[in-house]
mmCIF file of all heavy atoms, coordinates in Angstrom:
data_MODEL
# 
_entry.id   MODEL 
# 
loop_
_atom_site.group_PDB 
_atom_site.id 
_atom_site.type_symbol 
_atom_site.label_atom_id 
_atom_site.label_alt_id 
_atom_site.label_comp_id 
_atom_site.label_asym_id 
_atom_site.label_entity_id 
_atom_site.label_seq_id 
_atom_site.pdbx_PDB_ins_code 
_atom_site.Cartn_x 
_atom_site.Cartn_y 
_atom_site.Cartn_z 
_atom_site.occupancy 
_atom_site.B_iso_or_equiv 
_atom_site.pdbx_formal_charge 
_atom_site.auth_seq_id 
_atom_site.auth_comp_id 
_atom_site.auth_asym_id 
_atom_site.auth_atom_id 
_atom_site.pdbx_PDB_model_num 
ATOM 1   N N   . LEU A 1 1  ? -222.321 108.438 -22.021 1.00 0.00 ? 1  LEU A N   1 
ATOM 2   C CA  . LEU A 1 1  ? -221.599 107.167 -21.906 1.00 0.00 ? 1  LEU A CA  1 
ATOM 3   C C   . LEU A 1 1  ? -220.989 106.753 -23.243 1.00 0.00 ? 1  LEU A C   1 
ATOM 4   O O   . LEU A 1 1  ? -219.883 106.218 -23.297 1.00 0.00 ? 1  LEU A O   1 
ATOM 5   C CB  . LEU A 1 1  ? -222.547 106.081 -21.391 1.00 0.00 ? 1  LEU A CB  1 
ATOM 6   C CG  . LEU A 1 1  ? -222.999 106.245 -19.937 1.00 0.00 ? 1  LEU A CG  1 
ATOM 7   C CD1 . LEU A 1 1  ? -224.099 105.240 -19.604 1.00 0.00 ? 1  LEU A CD1 1 
ATOM 8   C CD2 . LEU A 1 1  ? -221.822 106.096 -18.971 1.00 0.00 ? 1  LEU A CD2 1 
ATOM 9   N N   . LYS A 1 2  ? -221.719 107.010 -24.331 1.00 0.00 ? 2  LYS A N   1 
ATOM 10  C CA  . LYS A 1 2  ? -221.199 106.663 -25.659 1.00 0.00 ? 2  LYS A CA  1 
ATOM 11  C C   . LYS A 1 2  ? -219.973 107.503 -25.999 1.00 0.00 ? 2  LYS A C   1 
ATOM 12  O O   . LYS A 1 2  ? -218.981 106.989 -26.531 1.00 0.00 ? 2  LYS A O   1 
ATOM 13  C CB  . LYS A 1 2  ? -222.291 106.853 -26.715 1.00 0.00 ? 2  LYS A CB  1 
ATOM 14  C CG  . LYS A 1 2  ? -221.925 106.294 -28.089 1.00 0.00 ? 2  LYS A CG  1 
ATOM 15  C CD  . LYS A 1 2  ? -223.100 106.396 -29.046 1.00 0.00 ? 2  LYS A CD  1 
ATOM 16  C CE  . LYS A 1 2  ? -222.760 105.831 -30.419 1.00 0.00 ? 2  LYS A CE  1 
ATOM 17  N NZ  . LYS A 1 2  ? -222.530 104.362 -30.368 1.00 0.00 ? 2  LYS A NZ  1 
ATOM 18  N N   . ILE A 1 3  ? -220.035 108.783 -25.686 1.00 0.00 ? 3  ILE A N   1 
ATOM 19  C CA  . ILE A 1 3  ? -218.893 109.669 -25.952 1.00 0.00 ? 3  ILE A CA  1 
ATOM 20  C C   . ILE A 1 3  ? -217.658 109.210 -25.177 1.00 0.00 ? 3  ILE A C   1 
ATOM 21  O O   . ILE A 1 3  ? -216.526 109.292 -25.683 1.00 0.00 ? 3  ILE A O   1 
ATOM 22  C CB  . ILE A 1 3  ? -219.262 111.124 -25.601 1.00 0.00 ? 3  ILE A CB  1 
ATOM 23  C CG1 . ILE A 1 3  ? -220.289 111.671 -26.602 1.00 0.00 ? 3  ILE A CG1 1 
ATOM 24  C CG2 . ILE A 1 3  ? -218.026 112.009 -25.568 1.00 0.00 ? 3  ILE A CG2 1 
ATOM 25  C CD1 . ILE A 1 3  ? -220.877 113.012 -26.212 1.00 0.00 ? 3  ILE A CD1 1 
ATOM 26  N N   . SER A 1 4  ? -217.879 108.702 -23.975 1.00 0.00 ? 4  SER A N   1 
ATOM 27  C CA  . SER A 1 4  ? -216.753 108.276 -23.134 1.00 0.00 ? 4  SER A CA  1 
ATOM 28  C C   . SER A 1 4  ? -216.347 106.826 -23.383 1.00 0.00 ? 4  SER A C   1 
ATOM 29  O O   . SER A 1 4  ? -215.518 106.280 -22.644 1.00 0.00 ? 4  SER A O   1 
ATOM 30  C CB  . SER A 1 4  ? -217.107 108.463 -21.655 1.00 0.00 ? 4  SER A CB  1 
ATOM 31  O OG  . SER A 1 4  ? -218.213 107.655 -21.297 1.00 0.00 ? 4  SER A OG  1 
ATOM 32  N N   . ASP A 1 5  ? -216.933 106.203 -24.410 1.00 0.00 ? 5  ASP A N   1 
ATOM 33  C CA  . ASP A 1 5  ? -216.601 104.818 -24.781 1.00 0.00 ? 5  ASP A CA  1 
ATOM 34  C C   . ASP A 1 5  ? -216.863 103.822 -23.652 1.00 0.00 ? 5  ASP A C   1 
ATOM 35  O O   . ASP A 1 5  ? -216.170 102.815 -23.515 1.00 0.00 ? 5  ASP A O   1 
ATOM 36  C CB  . ASP A 1 5  ? -215.139 104.697 -25.232 1.00 0.00 ? 5  ASP A CB  1 
ATOM 37  C CG  . ASP A 1 5  ? -214.878 105.404 -26.554 1.00 0.00 ? 5  ASP A CG  1 
ATOM 38  O OD1 . ASP A 1 5  ? -215.771 105.343 -27.419 1.00 0.00 ? 5  ASP A OD1 1 
ATOM 39  O OD2 . ASP A 1 5  ? -213.807 106.010 -26.694 1.00 0.00 ? 5  ASP A OD2 1 
ATOM 40  N N   . SER A 1 6  ? -217.876 104.105 -22.838 1.00 0.00 ? 6  SER A N   1 
ATOM 41  C CA  . SER A 1 6  ? -218.247 103.196 -21.761 1.00 0.00 ? 6  SER A CA  1 
ATOM 42  C C   . SER A 1 6  ? -219.094 102.051 -22.312 1.00 0.00 ? 6  SER A C   1 
ATOM 43  O O   . SER A 1 6  ? -219.847 102.215 -23.273 1.00 0.00 ? 6  SER A O   1 
ATOM 44  C CB  . SER A 1 6  ? -219.050 103.947 -20.697 1.00 0.00 ? 6  SER A CB  1 
ATOM 45  O OG  . SER A 1 6  ? -219.588 103.054 -19.748 1.00 0.00 ? 6  SER A OG  1 
ATOM 46  N N   . ARG A 1 7  ? -218.970 100.870 -21.687 1.00 0.00 ? 7  ARG A N   1 
ATOM 47  C CA  . ARG A 1 7  ? -219.801 99.746  -22.098 1.00 0.00 ? 7  ARG A CA  1 
ATOM 48  C C   . ARG A 1 7  ? -221.107 99.674  -21.309 1.00 0.00 ? 7  ARG A C   1 
ATOM 49  O O   . ARG A 1 7  ? -221.896 98.755  -21.473 1.00 0.00 ? 7  ARG A O   1 
ATOM 50  C CB  . ARG A 1 7  ? -219.040 98.434  -21.946 1.00 0.00 ? 7  ARG A CB  1 
ATOM 51  C CG  . ARG A 1 7  ? -218.721 98.007  -20.527 1.00 0.00 ? 7  ARG A CG  1 
ATOM 52  C CD  . ARG A 1 7  ? -217.770 96.828  -20.517 1.00 0.00 ? 7  ARG A CD  1 
ATOM 53  N NE  . ARG A 1 7  ? -217.549 96.282  -19.191 1.00 0.00 ? 7  ARG A NE  1 
ATOM 54  C CZ  . ARG A 1 7  ? -218.100 95.153  -18.745 1.00 0.00 ? 7  ARG A CZ  1 
ATOM 55  N NH1 . ARG A 1 7  ? -218.909 94.462  -19.525 1.00 0.00 ? 7  ARG A NH1 1 
ATOM 56  N NH2 . ARG A 1 7  ? -217.844 94.706  -17.518 1.00 0.00 ? 7  ARG A NH2 1 
ATOM 57  N N   . ARG A 1 8  ? -221.331 100.663 -20.454 1.00 0.00 ? 8  ARG A N   1 
ATOM 58  C CA  . ARG A 1 8  ? -222.567 100.696 -19.667 1.00 0.00 ? 8  ARG A CA  1 
ATOM 59  C C   . ARG A 1 8  ? -223.773 100.974 -20.567 1.00 0.00 ? 8  ARG A C   1 
ATOM 60  O O   . ARG A 1 8  ? -223.652 101.601 -21.618 1.00 0.00 ? 8  ARG A O   1 
ATOM 61  C CB  . ARG A 1 8  ? -222.472 101.770 -18.579 1.00 0.00 ? 8  ARG A CB  1 
ATOM 62  C CG  . ARG A 1 8  ? -221.382 101.495 -17.567 1.00 0.00 ? 8  ARG A CG  1 
ATOM 63  C CD  . ARG A 1 8  ? -221.122 102.702 -16.700 1.00 0.00 ? 8  ARG A CD  1 
ATOM 64  N NE  . ARG A 1 8  ? -222.258 103.040 -15.863 1.00 0.00 ? 8  ARG A NE  1 
ATOM 65  C CZ  . ARG A 1 8  ? -222.370 104.177 -15.176 1.00 0.00 ? 8  ARG A CZ  1 
ATOM 66  N NH1 . ARG A 1 8  ? -221.417 105.107 -15.279 1.00 0.00 ? 8  ARG A NH1 1 
ATOM 67  N NH2 . ARG A 1 8  ? -223.411 104.407 -14.420 1.00 0.00 ? 8  ARG A NH2 1 
ATOM 68  N N   . LYS A 1 9  ? -224.927 100.490 -20.138 1.00 0.00 ? 9  LYS A N   1 
ATOM 69  C CA  . LYS A 1 9  ? -226.152 100.654 -20.902 1.00 0.00 ? 9  LYS A CA  1 
ATOM 70  C C   . LYS A 1 9  ? -227.169 101.464 -20.106 1.00 0.00 ? 9  LYS A C   1 
ATOM 71  O O   . LYS A 1 9  ? -227.117 101.514 -18.873 1.00 0.00 ? 9  LYS A O   1 
ATOM 72  C CB  . LYS A 1 9  ? -226.745 99.289  -21.260 1.00 0.00 ? 9  LYS A CB  1 
ATOM 73  C CG  . LYS A 1 9  ? -225.851 98.445  -22.155 1.00 0.00 ? 9  LYS A CG  1 
ATOM 74  C CD  . LYS A 1 9  ? -226.489 97.090  -22.446 1.00 0.00 ? 9  LYS A CD  1 
ATOM 75  C CE  . LYS A 1 9  ? -225.593 96.240  -23.335 1.00 0.00 ? 9  LYS A CE  1 
ATOM 76  N NZ  . LYS A 1 9  ? -226.200 94.907  -23.608 1.00 0.00 ? 9  LYS A NZ  1 
ATOM 77  N N   . VAL A 1 10 ? -228.096 102.075 -20.829 1.00 0.00 ? 10 VAL A N   1 
ATOM 78  C CA  . VAL A 1 10 ? -229.158 102.863 -20.210 1.00 0.00 ? 10 VAL A CA  1 
ATOM 79  C C   . VAL A 1 10 ? -230.506 102.289 -20.633 1.00 0.00 ? 10 VAL A C   1 
ATOM 80  O O   . VAL A 1 10 ? -230.731 102.016 -21.815 1.00 0.00 ? 10 VAL A O   1 
ATOM 81  C CB  . VAL A 1 10 ? -229.068 104.353 -20.612 1.00 0.00 ? 10 VAL A CB  1 
ATOM 82  C CG1 . VAL A 1 10 ? -230.200 105.149 -19.969 1.00 0.00 ? 10 VAL A CG1 1 
ATOM 83  C CG2 . VAL A 1 10 ? -227.713 104.932 -20.213 1.00 0.00 ? 10 VAL A CG2 1 
ATOM 84  N N   . PHE A 1 11 ? -231.387 102.111 -19.652 1.00 0.00 ? 11 PHE A N   1 
ATOM 85  C CA  . PHE A 1 11 ? -232.731 101.609 -19.897 1.00 0.00 ? 11 PHE A CA  1 
ATOM 86  C C   . PHE A 1 11 ? -233.727 102.639 -19.354 1.00 0.00 ? 11 PHE A C   1 
ATOM 87  O O   . PHE A 1 11 ? -233.528 103.184 -18.268 1.00 0.00 ? 11 PHE A O   1 
ATOM 88  C CB  . PHE A 1 11 ? -232.953 100.275 -19.182 1.00 0.00 ? 11 PHE A CB  1 
ATOM 89  C CG  . PHE A 1 11 ? -231.989 99.193  -19.586 1.00 0.00 ? 11 PHE A CG  1 
ATOM 90  C CD1 . PHE A 1 11 ? -230.733 99.105  -18.980 1.00 0.00 ? 11 PHE A CD1 1 
ATOM 91  C CD2 . PHE A 1 11 ? -232.321 98.272  -20.574 1.00 0.00 ? 11 PHE A CD2 1 
ATOM 92  C CE1 . PHE A 1 11 ? -229.833 98.107  -19.350 1.00 0.00 ? 11 PHE A CE1 1 
ATOM 93  C CE2 . PHE A 1 11 ? -231.428 97.278  -20.948 1.00 0.00 ? 11 PHE A CE2 1 
ATOM 94  C CZ  . PHE A 1 11 ? -230.180 97.197  -20.335 1.00 0.00 ? 11 PHE A CZ  1 
ATOM 95  N N   . VAL A 1 12 ? -234.788 102.885 -20.102 1.00 0.00 ? 12 VAL A N   1 
ATOM 96  C CA  . VAL A 1 12 ? -235.799 103.836 -19.644 1.00 0.00 ? 12 VAL A CA  1 
ATOM 97  C C   . VAL A 1 12 ? -237.182 103.267 -19.928 1.00 0.00 ? 12 VAL A C   1 
ATOM 98  O O   . VAL A 1 12 ? -237.427 102.704 -20.995 1.00 0.00 ? 12 VAL A O   1 
ATOM 99  C CB  . VAL A 1 12 ? -235.607 105.222 -20.311 1.00 0.00 ? 12 VAL A CB  1 
ATOM 100 C CG1 . VAL A 1 12 ? -235.689 105.142 -21.831 1.00 0.00 ? 12 VAL A CG1 1 
ATOM 101 C CG2 . VAL A 1 12 ? -236.622 106.227 -19.772 1.00 0.00 ? 12 VAL A CG2 1 
ATOM 102 N N   . LEU A 1 13 ? -238.067 103.384 -18.940 1.00 0.00 ? 13 LEU A N   1 
ATOM 103 C CA  . LEU A 1 13 ? -239.432 102.881 -19.066 1.00 0.00 ? 13 LEU A CA  1 
ATOM 104 C C   . LEU A 1 13 ? -240.377 104.063 -19.228 1.00 0.00 ? 13 LEU A C   1 
ATOM 105 O O   . LEU A 1 13 ? -240.458 104.942 -18.367 1.00 0.00 ? 13 LEU A O   1 
ATOM 106 C CB  . LEU A 1 13 ? -239.794 102.064 -17.826 1.00 0.00 ? 13 LEU A CB  1 
ATOM 107 C CG  . LEU A 1 13 ? -241.195 101.470 -17.731 1.00 0.00 ? 13 LEU A CG  1 
ATOM 108 C CD1 . LEU A 1 13 ? -241.541 100.655 -18.968 1.00 0.00 ? 13 LEU A CD1 1 
ATOM 109 C CD2 . LEU A 1 13 ? -241.322 100.612 -16.482 1.00 0.00 ? 13 LEU A CD2 1 
ATOM 110 N N   . VAL A 1 14 ? -241.091 104.069 -20.352 1.00 0.00 ? 14 VAL A N   1 
ATOM 111 C CA  . VAL A 1 14 ? -241.983 105.169 -20.723 1.00 0.00 ? 14 VAL A CA  1 
ATOM 112 C C   . VAL A 1 14 ? -243.419 104.654 -20.746 1.00 0.00 ? 14 VAL A C   1 
ATOM 113 O O   . VAL A 1 14 ? -243.678 103.542 -21.234 1.00 0.00 ? 14 VAL A O   1 
ATOM 114 C CB  . VAL A 1 14 ? -241.610 105.724 -22.113 1.00 0.00 ? 14 VAL A CB  1 
ATOM 115 C CG1 . VAL A 1 14 ? -242.568 106.821 -22.540 1.00 0.00 ? 14 VAL A CG1 1 
ATOM 116 C CG2 . VAL A 1 14 ? -240.181 106.239 -22.109 1.00 0.00 ? 14 VAL A CG2 1 
ATOM 117 N N   . GLY A 1 15 ? -244.347 105.431 -20.244 1.00 0.00 ? 15 GLY A N   1 
ATOM 118 C CA  . GLY A 1 15 ? -245.754 105.058 -20.286 1.00 0.00 ? 15 GLY A CA  1 
ATOM 119 C C   . GLY A 1 15 ? -246.415 105.462 -21.585 1.00 0.00 ? 15 GLY A C   1 
ATOM 120 O O   . GLY A 1 15 ? -245.994 106.428 -22.232 1.00 0.00 ? 15 GLY A O   1 
ATOM 121 N N   . ASP A 1 16 ? -247.460 104.728 -21.969 1.00 0.00 ? 16 ASP A N   1 
ATOM 122 C CA  . ASP A 1 16 ? -248.141 105.069 -23.218 1.00 0.00 ? 16 ASP A CA  1 
ATOM 123 C C   . ASP A 1 16 ? -248.892 106.391 -23.110 1.00 0.00 ? 16 ASP A C   1 
ATOM 124 O O   . ASP A 1 16 ? -248.946 107.173 -24.060 1.00 0.00 ? 16 ASP A O   1 
ATOM 125 C CB  . ASP A 1 16 ? -249.069 103.939 -23.685 1.00 0.00 ? 16 ASP A CB  1 
ATOM 126 C CG  . ASP A 1 16 ? -250.184 103.607 -22.705 1.00 0.00 ? 16 ASP A CG  1 
ATOM 127 O OD1 . ASP A 1 16 ? -250.142 104.075 -21.547 1.00 0.00 ? 16 ASP A OD1 1 
ATOM 128 O OD2 . ASP A 1 16 ? -251.094 102.845 -23.085 1.00 0.00 ? 16 ASP A OD2 1 
ATOM 129 N N   . GLY A 1 17 ? -249.443 106.687 -21.927 1.00 0.00 ? 17 GLY A N   1 
ATOM 130 C CA  . GLY A 1 17 ? -250.073 107.989 -21.739 1.00 0.00 ? 17 GLY A CA  1 
ATOM 131 C C   . GLY A 1 17 ? -249.041 109.101 -21.766 1.00 0.00 ? 17 GLY A C   1 
ATOM 132 O O   . GLY A 1 17 ? -249.272 110.177 -22.339 1.00 0.00 ? 17 GLY A O   1 
ATOM 133 N N   . GLU A 1 18 ? -247.905 108.839 -21.171 1.00 0.00 ? 18 GLU A N   1 
ATOM 134 C CA  . GLU A 1 18 ? -246.793 109.794 -21.166 1.00 0.00 ? 18 GLU A CA  1 
ATOM 135 C C   . GLU A 1 18 ? -246.349 110.137 -22.583 1.00 0.00 ? 18 GLU A C   1 
ATOM 136 O O   . GLU A 1 18 ? -245.871 111.249 -22.842 1.00 0.00 ? 18 GLU A O   1 
ATOM 137 C CB  . GLU A 1 18 ? -245.633 109.196 -20.379 1.00 0.00 ? 18 GLU A CB  1 
ATOM 138 C CG  . GLU A 1 18 ? -244.389 110.036 -20.330 1.00 0.00 ? 18 GLU A CG  1 
ATOM 139 C CD  . GLU A 1 18 ? -243.252 109.359 -19.582 1.00 0.00 ? 18 GLU A CD  1 
ATOM 140 O OE1 . GLU A 1 18 ? -243.294 108.119 -19.418 1.00 0.00 ? 18 GLU A OE1 1 
ATOM 141 O OE2 . GLU A 1 18 ? -242.330 110.070 -19.164 1.00 0.00 ? 18 GLU A OE2 1 
ATOM 142 N N   . ALA A 1 19 ? -246.508 109.177 -23.499 1.00 0.00 ? 19 ALA A N   1 
ATOM 143 C CA  . ALA A 1 19 ? -246.057 109.384 -24.879 1.00 0.00 ? 19 ALA A CA  1 
ATOM 144 C C   . ALA A 1 19 ? -246.896 110.418 -25.618 1.00 0.00 ? 19 ALA A C   1 
ATOM 145 O O   . ALA A 1 19 ? -246.602 110.756 -26.766 1.00 0.00 ? 19 ALA A O   1 
ATOM 146 C CB  . ALA A 1 19 ? -246.058 108.061 -25.646 1.00 0.00 ? 19 ALA A CB  1 
ATOM 147 N N   . ASN A 1 20 ? -247.934 110.951 -24.972 1.00 0.00 ? 20 ASN A N   1 
ATOM 148 C CA  . ASN A 1 20 ? -248.645 112.101 -25.529 1.00 0.00 ? 20 ASN A CA  1 
ATOM 149 C C   . ASN A 1 20 ? -247.809 113.382 -25.413 1.00 0.00 ? 20 ASN A C   1 
ATOM 150 O O   . ASN A 1 20 ? -248.146 114.404 -26.013 1.00 0.00 ? 20 ASN A O   1 
ATOM 151 C CB  . ASN A 1 20 ? -249.982 112.312 -24.814 1.00 0.00 ? 20 ASN A CB  1 
ATOM 152 C CG  . ASN A 1 20 ? -251.087 111.397 -25.291 1.00 0.00 ? 20 ASN A CG  1 
ATOM 153 O OD1 . ASN A 1 20 ? -252.238 111.530 -24.884 1.00 0.00 ? 20 ASN A OD1 1 
ATOM 154 N ND2 . ASN A 1 20 ? -250.785 110.431 -26.151 1.00 0.00 ? 20 ASN A ND2 1 
ATOM 155 N N   . GLU A 1 21 ? -246.736 113.326 -24.618 1.00 0.00 ? 21 GLU A N   1 
ATOM 156 C CA  . GLU A 1 21 ? -245.846 114.478 -24.461 1.00 0.00 ? 21 GLU A CA  1 
ATOM 157 C C   . GLU A 1 21 ? -244.874 114.542 -25.635 1.00 0.00 ? 21 GLU A C   1 
ATOM 158 O O   . GLU A 1 21 ? -244.199 113.566 -25.961 1.00 0.00 ? 21 GLU A O   1 
ATOM 159 C CB  . GLU A 1 21 ? -245.043 114.352 -23.158 1.00 0.00 ? 21 GLU A CB  1 
ATOM 160 C CG  . GLU A 1 21 ? -245.888 114.390 -21.898 1.00 0.00 ? 21 GLU A CG  1 
ATOM 161 C CD  . GLU A 1 21 ? -246.317 115.798 -21.527 1.00 0.00 ? 21 GLU A CD  1 
ATOM 162 O OE1 . GLU A 1 21 ? -245.924 116.754 -22.231 1.00 0.00 ? 21 GLU A OE1 1 
ATOM 163 O OE2 . GLU A 1 21 ? -247.044 115.943 -20.530 1.00 0.00 ? 21 GLU A OE2 1 
ATOM 164 N N   . GLY A 1 22 ? -244.773 115.699 -26.254 1.00 0.00 ? 22 GLY A N   1 
ATOM 165 C CA  . GLY A 1 22 ? -243.887 115.855 -27.401 1.00 0.00 ? 22 GLY A CA  1 
ATOM 166 C C   . GLY A 1 22 ? -242.424 115.636 -27.081 1.00 0.00 ? 22 GLY A C   1 
ATOM 167 O O   . GLY A 1 22 ? -241.635 115.229 -27.938 1.00 0.00 ? 22 GLY A O   1 
ATOM 168 N N   . THR A 1 23 ? -242.043 115.876 -25.813 1.00 0.00 ? 23 THR A N   1 
ATOM 169 C CA  . THR A 1 23 ? -240.646 115.702 -25.430 1.00 0.00 ? 23 THR A CA  1 
ATOM 170 C C   . THR A 1 23 ? -240.189 114.253 -25.594 1.00 0.00 ? 23 THR A C   1 
ATOM 171 O O   . THR A 1 23 ? -238.997 114.003 -25.804 1.00 0.00 ? 23 THR A O   1 
ATOM 172 C CB  . THR A 1 23 ? -240.426 116.131 -23.969 1.00 0.00 ? 23 THR A CB  1 
ATOM 173 O OG1 . THR A 1 23 ? -241.407 115.487 -23.134 1.00 0.00 ? 23 THR A OG1 1 
ATOM 174 C CG2 . THR A 1 23 ? -240.539 117.629 -23.811 1.00 0.00 ? 23 THR A CG2 1 
ATOM 175 N N   . VAL A 1 24 ? -241.135 113.311 -25.482 1.00 0.00 ? 24 VAL A N   1 
ATOM 176 C CA  . VAL A 1 24 ? -240.781 111.891 -25.666 1.00 0.00 ? 24 VAL A CA  1 
ATOM 177 C C   . VAL A 1 24 ? -240.227 111.675 -27.066 1.00 0.00 ? 24 VAL A C   1 
ATOM 178 O O   . VAL A 1 24 ? -239.159 111.077 -27.261 1.00 0.00 ? 24 VAL A O   1 
ATOM 179 C CB  . VAL A 1 24 ? -242.008 110.992 -25.419 1.00 0.00 ? 24 VAL A CB  1 
ATOM 180 C CG1 . VAL A 1 24 ? -241.719 109.550 -25.851 1.00 0.00 ? 24 VAL A CG1 1 
ATOM 181 C CG2 . VAL A 1 24 ? -242.406 111.039 -23.949 1.00 0.00 ? 24 VAL A CG2 1 
ATOM 182 N N   . TRP A 1 25 ? -240.923 112.195 -28.059 1.00 0.00 ? 25 TRP A N   1 
ATOM 183 C CA  . TRP A 1 25 ? -240.533 111.961 -29.454 1.00 0.00 ? 25 TRP A CA  1 
ATOM 184 C C   . TRP A 1 25 ? -239.338 112.817 -29.855 1.00 0.00 ? 25 TRP A C   1 
ATOM 185 O O   . TRP A 1 25 ? -238.520 112.410 -30.695 1.00 0.00 ? 25 TRP A O   1 
ATOM 186 C CB  . TRP A 1 25 ? -241.734 112.177 -30.366 1.00 0.00 ? 25 TRP A CB  1 
ATOM 187 C CG  . TRP A 1 25 ? -242.855 111.278 -29.914 1.00 0.00 ? 25 TRP A CG  1 
ATOM 188 C CD1 . TRP A 1 25 ? -243.966 111.621 -29.199 1.00 0.00 ? 25 TRP A CD1 1 
ATOM 189 C CD2 . TRP A 1 25 ? -242.908 109.854 -30.077 1.00 0.00 ? 25 TRP A CD2 1 
ATOM 190 N NE1 . TRP A 1 25 ? -244.705 110.507 -28.918 1.00 0.00 ? 25 TRP A NE1 1 
ATOM 191 C CE2 . TRP A 1 25 ? -244.096 109.407 -29.446 1.00 0.00 ? 25 TRP A CE2 1 
ATOM 192 C CE3 . TRP A 1 25 ? -242.074 108.915 -30.690 1.00 0.00 ? 25 TRP A CE3 1 
ATOM 193 C CZ2 . TRP A 1 25 ? -244.459 108.061 -29.415 1.00 0.00 ? 25 TRP A CZ2 1 
ATOM 194 C CZ3 . TRP A 1 25 ? -242.442 107.576 -30.666 1.00 0.00 ? 25 TRP A CZ3 1 
ATOM 195 C CH2 . TRP A 1 25 ? -243.624 107.160 -30.040 1.00 0.00 ? 25 TRP A CH2 1 
ATOM 196 N N   . GLU A 1 26 ? -239.190 113.976 -29.250 1.00 0.00 ? 26 GLU A N   1 
ATOM 197 C CA  . GLU A 1 26 ? -237.993 114.782 -29.484 1.00 0.00 ? 26 GLU A CA  1 
ATOM 198 C C   . GLU A 1 26 ? -236.759 114.035 -28.968 1.00 0.00 ? 26 GLU A C   1 
ATOM 199 O O   . GLU A 1 26 ? -235.704 114.027 -29.622 1.00 0.00 ? 26 GLU A O   1 
ATOM 200 C CB  . GLU A 1 26 ? -238.127 116.138 -28.784 1.00 0.00 ? 26 GLU A CB  1 
ATOM 201 C CG  . GLU A 1 26 ? -239.173 117.047 -29.428 1.00 0.00 ? 26 GLU A CG  1 
ATOM 202 C CD  . GLU A 1 26 ? -239.473 118.279 -28.596 1.00 0.00 ? 26 GLU A CD  1 
ATOM 203 O OE1 . GLU A 1 26 ? -238.903 118.391 -27.474 1.00 0.00 ? 26 GLU A OE1 1 
ATOM 204 O OE2 . GLU A 1 26 ? -240.259 119.124 -29.038 1.00 0.00 ? 26 GLU A OE2 1 
ATOM 205 N N   . ALA A 1 27 ? -236.895 113.398 -27.799 1.00 0.00 ? 27 ALA A N   1 
ATOM 206 C CA  . ALA A 1 27 ? -235.790 112.627 -27.245 1.00 0.00 ? 27 ALA A CA  1 
ATOM 207 C C   . ALA A 1 27 ? -235.461 111.431 -28.130 1.00 0.00 ? 27 ALA A C   1 
ATOM 208 O O   . ALA A 1 27 ? -234.283 111.106 -28.352 1.00 0.00 ? 27 ALA A O   1 
ATOM 209 C CB  . ALA A 1 27 ? -236.135 112.159 -25.825 1.00 0.00 ? 27 ALA A CB  1 
# 
């Protein structure tokens, strides 16, 4: 969306247990 200059926003809800996954911090 940023590349396309859109004004749309993205929201994501992450769990604290889920944050044990390394992919969370890589993202």
